[in-house]
Each structure stands twice: as C-alpha cells, then as structure tokens.
C-alpha cells in the first residue's frame, strides 16, 4: 500500500504533505514475504521470528531495477496505481524493463562483446 495523506489522500512523501501541508506520521514499511518465504521458528525463545530479506543484485539486475522503478513511478504519477493493482503494476514494470533490456542486448554491441 502506498502512503497517502489522511487529510487530502495525496501521495505522502516525507513528514509533511506536499499538497495540503498536513503533518504526516511515518508508516513502517513491511515486506510481504509471500507464500514461498521461510520463517524460522527455532531459537532460544522458541517463538516465531520475522522473515528478513537479503538481496545481492548483479549490475544488469540493478539496471533493470532502476528502469522498472522509473516505469512504476510513471504509473504512480499518472494516478493509475491503487491498493488493488499495485502488485500487478509493479510486476508489469519489471516485465517492461526486462523486455527493454533484452531488446537493447539484441541490438547494441558493448565494447567487450564479440558478435
């Protein structure tokens, strides 16, 4: 869910709404681990611990991530993103960015590549 101003429902960035000036309380961002995430239940407390994520992206993956985030930002700026479709549109952004990378790989030869 994207953070919004409780007063005017604009997208919230920072601690003051850029549209109406209302003070905003920071929201904790939680990772939705999805069905494939493993949650460790062992340990000294014997209770359930929260899953954590670790990412190590290659440079090409980082480039696709940057492009996908720009595409998703455009979706957000256009006003089409809502709670119901945010995951679908983020997935679509990644697919579009990946397609762009594959097209570039097909048509552009880097200095270190042999054809």
N, C-alpha and C. Protein backbone atom coordinates (compact mmCIF):
# COMPACT_ATOMS: atom_id res chain seq x y z
N UNK A 1 0.84 -1.17 0.00
CA UNK A 1 0.00 0.00 0.00
C UNK A 1 0.89 1.24 0.00
N UNK A 2 0.59 2.18 -0.86
CA UNK A 2 1.35 3.41 -0.93
C UNK A 2 0.87 4.37 0.15
N UNK A 3 1.80 5.08 0.80
CA UNK A 3 1.39 6.02 1.85
C UNK A 3 0.66 7.22 1.26
N UNK A 4 -0.45 7.58 1.88
CA UNK A 4 -1.23 8.73 1.43
C UNK A 4 -1.52 9.65 2.62
N UNK A 5 -1.77 10.90 2.31
CA UNK A 5 -2.11 11.89 3.33
C UNK A 5 -3.51 11.58 3.85
N UNK A 6 -3.70 11.52 5.17
CA UNK A 6 -5.02 11.22 5.71
C UNK A 6 -6.01 12.36 5.49
N UNK A 7 -5.52 13.55 5.23
CA UNK A 7 -6.39 14.71 5.07
C UNK A 7 -6.90 14.86 3.63
N UNK A 8 -5.96 14.78 2.65
CA UNK A 8 -6.37 15.04 1.25
C UNK A 8 -6.19 13.84 0.33
N UNK A 9 -5.68 12.72 0.83
CA UNK A 9 -5.46 11.48 0.07
C UNK A 9 -4.41 11.58 -1.02
N UNK A 10 -3.55 12.62 -1.00
CA UNK A 10 -2.45 12.71 -1.95
C UNK A 10 -1.36 11.74 -1.52
N UNK A 11 -0.49 11.37 -2.47
CA UNK A 11 0.63 10.52 -2.11
C UNK A 11 1.50 11.24 -1.10
N UNK A 12 1.88 10.54 -0.06
CA UNK A 12 2.66 11.15 1.02
C UNK A 12 4.14 10.85 0.83
N UNK A 13 4.95 11.89 0.89
CA UNK A 13 6.40 11.76 0.83
C UNK A 13 6.97 12.64 1.93
N UNK A 14 7.75 12.06 2.82
CA UNK A 14 8.31 12.84 3.92
C UNK A 14 7.34 12.94 5.09
N UNK A 15 7.54 13.98 5.92
CA UNK A 15 6.71 14.11 7.12
C UNK A 15 5.67 15.22 7.02
N UNK A 16 5.59 15.89 5.84
CA UNK A 16 4.57 16.92 5.61
C UNK A 16 4.00 16.69 4.22
N UNK A 17 2.68 16.73 4.09
CA UNK A 17 2.03 16.55 2.80
C UNK A 17 2.39 17.70 1.88
N UNK A 18 2.83 17.39 0.66
CA UNK A 18 3.21 18.42 -0.30
C UNK A 18 2.01 19.14 -0.89
N UNK A 19 0.82 18.57 -0.76
CA UNK A 19 -0.38 19.18 -1.33
C UNK A 19 -1.07 20.11 -0.34
N UNK A 20 -1.37 19.58 0.86
CA UNK A 20 -2.16 20.37 1.82
C UNK A 20 -1.35 20.85 3.03
N UNK A 21 -0.12 20.35 3.20
CA UNK A 21 0.73 20.77 4.30
C UNK A 21 0.46 20.07 5.62
N UNK A 22 -0.40 19.07 5.63
CA UNK A 22 -0.72 18.35 6.87
C UNK A 22 0.49 17.55 7.34
N UNK A 23 0.67 17.48 8.66
CA UNK A 23 1.75 16.69 9.24
C UNK A 23 1.42 15.21 9.07
N UNK A 24 2.41 14.43 8.69
CA UNK A 24 2.20 13.00 8.45
C UNK A 24 2.98 12.19 9.47
N UNK A 25 2.40 11.10 9.90
CA UNK A 25 3.10 10.19 10.80
C UNK A 25 3.75 9.12 9.94
N UNK A 26 5.03 8.84 10.16
CA UNK A 26 5.71 7.84 9.34
C UNK A 26 5.08 6.47 9.52
N UNK A 27 4.97 5.74 8.40
CA UNK A 27 4.42 4.39 8.44
C UNK A 27 5.56 3.40 8.27
N UNK A 28 5.49 2.30 9.00
CA UNK A 28 6.51 1.27 8.91
C UNK A 28 6.27 0.47 7.62
N UNK A 29 7.32 0.34 6.83
CA UNK A 29 7.25 -0.44 5.61
C UNK A 29 7.51 -1.89 5.96
N UNK A 30 6.58 -2.77 5.63
CA UNK A 30 6.74 -4.18 5.93
C UNK A 30 6.85 -4.96 4.65
N UNK A 31 7.75 -5.91 4.63
CA UNK A 31 7.94 -6.78 3.48
C UNK A 31 6.92 -7.90 3.54
N UNK A 32 6.18 -8.06 2.47
CA UNK A 32 5.26 -9.18 2.35
C UNK A 32 6.05 -10.34 1.76
N UNK A 33 6.43 -11.32 2.60
CA UNK A 33 7.33 -12.37 2.12
C UNK A 33 6.70 -13.30 1.10
N UNK A 34 5.40 -13.33 0.98
CA UNK A 34 4.75 -14.19 0.01
C UNK A 34 4.74 -15.63 0.47
N UNK A 35 4.12 -16.51 -0.31
CA UNK A 35 3.96 -17.90 0.11
C UNK A 35 5.25 -18.70 0.11
N UNK A 36 6.28 -18.27 -0.64
CA UNK A 36 7.49 -19.08 -0.72
C UNK A 36 8.52 -18.73 0.35
N UNK A 37 8.27 -17.70 1.15
CA UNK A 37 9.24 -17.30 2.17
C UNK A 37 9.23 -18.29 3.32
N UNK A 38 10.41 -18.51 3.88
CA UNK A 38 10.53 -19.40 5.02
C UNK A 38 10.71 -18.56 6.27
N UNK A 39 9.93 -18.83 7.28
CA UNK A 39 10.06 -18.13 8.55
C UNK A 39 10.67 -19.09 9.54
N UNK A 40 11.77 -18.69 10.15
CA UNK A 40 12.48 -19.54 11.10
C UNK A 40 11.71 -19.58 12.42
N UNK A 41 11.47 -20.77 12.93
CA UNK A 41 10.72 -20.90 14.18
C UNK A 41 11.59 -21.43 15.31
N UNK A 42 12.84 -21.74 15.02
CA UNK A 42 13.71 -22.24 16.08
C UNK A 42 14.40 -21.07 16.77
N UNK A 43 15.08 -21.33 17.81
CA UNK A 43 15.81 -20.28 18.52
C UNK A 43 15.57 -20.39 20.01
N UNK A 44 16.21 -19.51 20.74
CA UNK A 44 16.14 -19.60 22.20
C UNK A 44 14.75 -19.30 22.72
N UNK A 45 14.01 -18.41 22.06
CA UNK A 45 12.68 -18.06 22.53
C UNK A 45 11.64 -19.09 22.14
N UNK A 46 11.95 -19.92 21.15
CA UNK A 46 11.01 -20.93 20.71
C UNK A 46 9.83 -20.34 19.94
N UNK A 47 9.77 -19.03 19.85
CA UNK A 47 8.66 -18.39 19.14
C UNK A 47 8.99 -18.14 17.68
N UNK A 48 8.07 -17.55 17.04
CA UNK A 48 8.22 -17.27 15.61
C UNK A 48 8.96 -15.95 15.42
N UNK A 49 9.94 -15.95 14.51
CA UNK A 49 10.69 -14.74 14.21
C UNK A 49 10.29 -14.22 12.84
N UNK A 50 10.44 -12.94 12.66
CA UNK A 50 10.08 -12.31 11.40
C UNK A 50 11.10 -12.66 10.32
N UNK A 51 10.62 -12.95 9.12
CA UNK A 51 11.50 -13.25 8.00
C UNK A 51 12.21 -11.99 7.55
N UNK A 52 13.45 -12.14 7.12
CA UNK A 52 14.18 -10.99 6.60
C UNK A 52 14.62 -11.31 5.18
N UNK A 53 14.82 -10.26 4.40
CA UNK A 53 15.21 -10.43 3.01
C UNK A 53 16.65 -9.99 2.82
N UNK A 54 17.36 -10.68 1.97
CA UNK A 54 18.73 -10.32 1.63
C UNK A 54 18.84 -10.33 0.12
N UNK A 55 19.32 -9.24 -0.45
CA UNK A 55 19.46 -9.16 -1.89
C UNK A 55 20.90 -8.88 -2.26
N UNK A 56 21.37 -9.53 -3.27
CA UNK A 56 22.68 -9.25 -3.86
C UNK A 56 22.46 -9.23 -5.37
N UNK A 57 22.26 -8.04 -5.93
CA UNK A 57 21.94 -7.92 -7.34
C UNK A 57 23.19 -7.70 -8.18
N UNK A 58 23.21 -8.34 -9.33
CA UNK A 58 24.26 -8.13 -10.32
C UNK A 58 24.04 -6.77 -10.98
N UNK A 59 25.06 -6.20 -11.61
CA UNK A 59 24.89 -4.89 -12.26
C UNK A 59 23.75 -4.85 -13.28
N UNK A 60 23.58 -5.91 -14.06
CA UNK A 60 22.49 -5.91 -15.04
C UNK A 60 21.13 -5.95 -14.35
N UNK A 61 21.04 -6.67 -13.23
CA UNK A 61 19.78 -6.71 -12.48
C UNK A 61 19.49 -5.35 -11.85
N UNK A 62 20.54 -4.68 -11.39
CA UNK A 62 20.37 -3.35 -10.82
C UNK A 62 19.87 -2.37 -11.88
N UNK A 63 20.41 -2.48 -13.09
CA UNK A 63 19.96 -1.61 -14.18
C UNK A 63 18.48 -1.83 -14.49
N UNK A 64 18.05 -3.10 -14.50
CA UNK A 64 16.63 -3.40 -14.74
C UNK A 64 15.78 -2.87 -13.59
N UNK A 65 16.26 -3.01 -12.36
CA UNK A 65 15.54 -2.48 -11.20
C UNK A 65 15.34 -0.97 -11.32
N UNK A 66 16.39 -0.26 -11.70
CA UNK A 66 16.29 1.20 -11.84
C UNK A 66 15.27 1.57 -12.91
N UNK A 67 15.30 0.87 -14.03
CA UNK A 67 14.35 1.14 -15.10
C UNK A 67 12.93 0.81 -14.65
N UNK A 68 12.76 -0.33 -13.99
CA UNK A 68 11.43 -0.73 -13.52
C UNK A 68 10.88 0.28 -12.52
N UNK A 69 11.74 0.80 -11.65
CA UNK A 69 11.26 1.77 -10.67
C UNK A 69 10.82 3.06 -11.35
N UNK A 70 11.49 3.44 -12.43
CA UNK A 70 11.07 4.63 -13.18
C UNK A 70 9.73 4.40 -13.87
N UNK A 71 9.55 3.21 -14.43
CA UNK A 71 8.28 2.88 -15.08
C UNK A 71 7.16 2.88 -14.05
N UNK A 72 7.41 2.25 -12.89
CA UNK A 72 6.39 2.21 -11.84
C UNK A 72 6.08 3.62 -11.34
N UNK A 73 7.11 4.46 -11.22
CA UNK A 73 6.90 5.86 -10.82
C UNK A 73 5.98 6.58 -11.79
N UNK A 74 6.13 6.29 -13.06
CA UNK A 74 5.25 6.90 -14.07
C UNK A 74 3.81 6.43 -13.88
N UNK A 75 3.63 5.15 -13.55
CA UNK A 75 2.28 4.65 -13.25
C UNK A 75 1.69 5.39 -12.05
N UNK A 76 2.51 5.57 -11.01
CA UNK A 76 2.05 6.27 -9.81
C UNK A 76 1.69 7.71 -10.15
N UNK A 77 2.57 8.39 -10.89
CA UNK A 77 2.34 9.79 -11.23
C UNK A 77 1.09 9.97 -12.09
N UNK A 78 0.78 8.98 -12.90
CA UNK A 78 -0.41 9.08 -13.75
C UNK A 78 -1.70 8.80 -12.98
N UNK A 79 -1.58 8.32 -11.74
CA UNK A 79 -2.75 8.10 -10.90
C UNK A 79 -3.45 6.77 -11.10
N UNK A 80 -2.82 5.83 -11.80
CA UNK A 80 -3.49 4.55 -12.05
C UNK A 80 -3.21 3.50 -10.98
N UNK A 81 -2.26 3.75 -10.08
CA UNK A 81 -1.91 2.76 -9.05
C UNK A 81 -2.83 2.91 -7.85
N UNK A 82 -3.39 1.80 -7.41
CA UNK A 82 -4.19 1.78 -6.18
C UNK A 82 -3.88 0.49 -5.43
N UNK A 83 -4.49 0.31 -4.28
CA UNK A 83 -4.22 -0.87 -3.45
C UNK A 83 -4.51 -2.17 -4.20
N UNK A 84 -5.52 -2.16 -5.04
CA UNK A 84 -5.93 -3.38 -5.72
C UNK A 84 -4.98 -3.79 -6.84
N UNK A 85 -4.29 -2.83 -7.47
CA UNK A 85 -3.47 -3.18 -8.63
C UNK A 85 -1.98 -2.89 -8.47
N UNK A 86 -1.53 -2.47 -7.29
CA UNK A 86 -0.13 -2.08 -7.16
C UNK A 86 0.84 -3.23 -7.42
N UNK A 87 0.53 -4.44 -7.02
CA UNK A 87 1.42 -5.57 -7.26
C UNK A 87 1.43 -5.92 -8.75
N UNK A 88 0.28 -5.89 -9.37
CA UNK A 88 0.18 -6.16 -10.80
C UNK A 88 1.00 -5.15 -11.61
N UNK A 89 0.87 -3.87 -11.26
CA UNK A 89 1.60 -2.84 -11.99
C UNK A 89 3.10 -2.87 -11.70
N UNK A 90 3.50 -3.25 -10.50
CA UNK A 90 4.94 -3.38 -10.23
C UNK A 90 5.51 -4.56 -11.02
N UNK A 91 4.78 -5.66 -11.10
CA UNK A 91 5.21 -6.79 -11.93
C UNK A 91 5.29 -6.39 -13.40
N UNK A 92 4.30 -5.64 -13.86
CA UNK A 92 4.29 -5.17 -15.25
C UNK A 92 5.49 -4.26 -15.52
N UNK A 93 5.85 -3.43 -14.55
CA UNK A 93 7.01 -2.55 -14.69
C UNK A 93 8.28 -3.36 -14.86
N UNK A 94 8.43 -4.43 -14.08
CA UNK A 94 9.62 -5.28 -14.19
C UNK A 94 9.65 -5.98 -15.54
N UNK A 95 8.52 -6.47 -16.00
CA UNK A 95 8.45 -7.14 -17.30
C UNK A 95 8.81 -6.18 -18.44
N UNK A 96 8.29 -4.95 -18.36
CA UNK A 96 8.61 -3.95 -19.39
C UNK A 96 10.09 -3.60 -19.37
N UNK A 97 10.65 -3.41 -18.18
CA UNK A 97 12.07 -3.08 -18.07
C UNK A 97 12.94 -4.22 -18.58
N UNK A 98 12.56 -5.46 -18.28
CA UNK A 98 13.30 -6.62 -18.75
C UNK A 98 13.25 -6.73 -20.26
N UNK A 99 12.07 -6.50 -20.82
CA UNK A 99 11.93 -6.53 -22.29
C UNK A 99 12.83 -5.47 -22.92
N UNK A 100 12.86 -4.27 -22.34
CA UNK A 100 13.72 -3.21 -22.86
C UNK A 100 15.19 -3.63 -22.81
N UNK A 101 15.60 -4.25 -21.71
CA UNK A 101 16.99 -4.70 -21.58
C UNK A 101 17.32 -5.76 -22.63
N UNK A 102 16.38 -6.67 -22.88
CA UNK A 102 16.62 -7.72 -23.87
C UNK A 102 16.71 -7.15 -25.29
N UNK A 103 15.89 -6.16 -25.59
CA UNK A 103 15.94 -5.51 -26.91
C UNK A 103 17.27 -4.78 -27.08
N UNK A 104 17.70 -4.09 -26.02
CA UNK A 104 18.99 -3.40 -26.08
C UNK A 104 20.13 -4.40 -26.27
N UNK A 105 20.08 -5.50 -25.54
CA UNK A 105 21.11 -6.54 -25.67
C UNK A 105 21.17 -7.09 -27.09
N UNK A 106 20.00 -7.19 -27.72
CA UNK A 106 19.92 -7.73 -29.08
C UNK A 106 20.54 -6.78 -30.11
N UNK A 107 20.31 -5.48 -29.94
CA UNK A 107 20.70 -4.52 -30.97
C UNK A 107 22.00 -3.74 -30.69
N UNK A 108 22.47 -3.73 -29.48
CA UNK A 108 23.64 -2.93 -29.12
C UNK A 108 24.79 -3.86 -28.75
N UNK A 109 25.96 -3.61 -29.35
CA UNK A 109 27.15 -4.40 -29.02
C UNK A 109 28.03 -3.57 -28.11
N UNK A 110 28.30 -4.06 -26.92
CA UNK A 110 29.20 -3.39 -25.98
C UNK A 110 30.65 -3.57 -26.45
N UNK A 111 31.54 -2.76 -25.90
CA UNK A 111 32.95 -2.80 -26.29
C UNK A 111 33.56 -4.18 -26.06
N UNK A 112 33.19 -4.85 -24.98
CA UNK A 112 33.79 -6.14 -24.63
C UNK A 112 33.11 -7.35 -25.25
N UNK A 113 32.10 -7.15 -26.09
CA UNK A 113 31.35 -8.28 -26.65
C UNK A 113 31.84 -8.60 -28.07
N UNK A 114 31.84 -9.88 -28.39
CA UNK A 114 32.11 -10.33 -29.75
C UNK A 114 30.81 -10.77 -30.38
N UNK A 115 30.65 -10.45 -31.64
CA UNK A 115 29.42 -10.88 -32.34
C UNK A 115 29.72 -11.99 -33.24
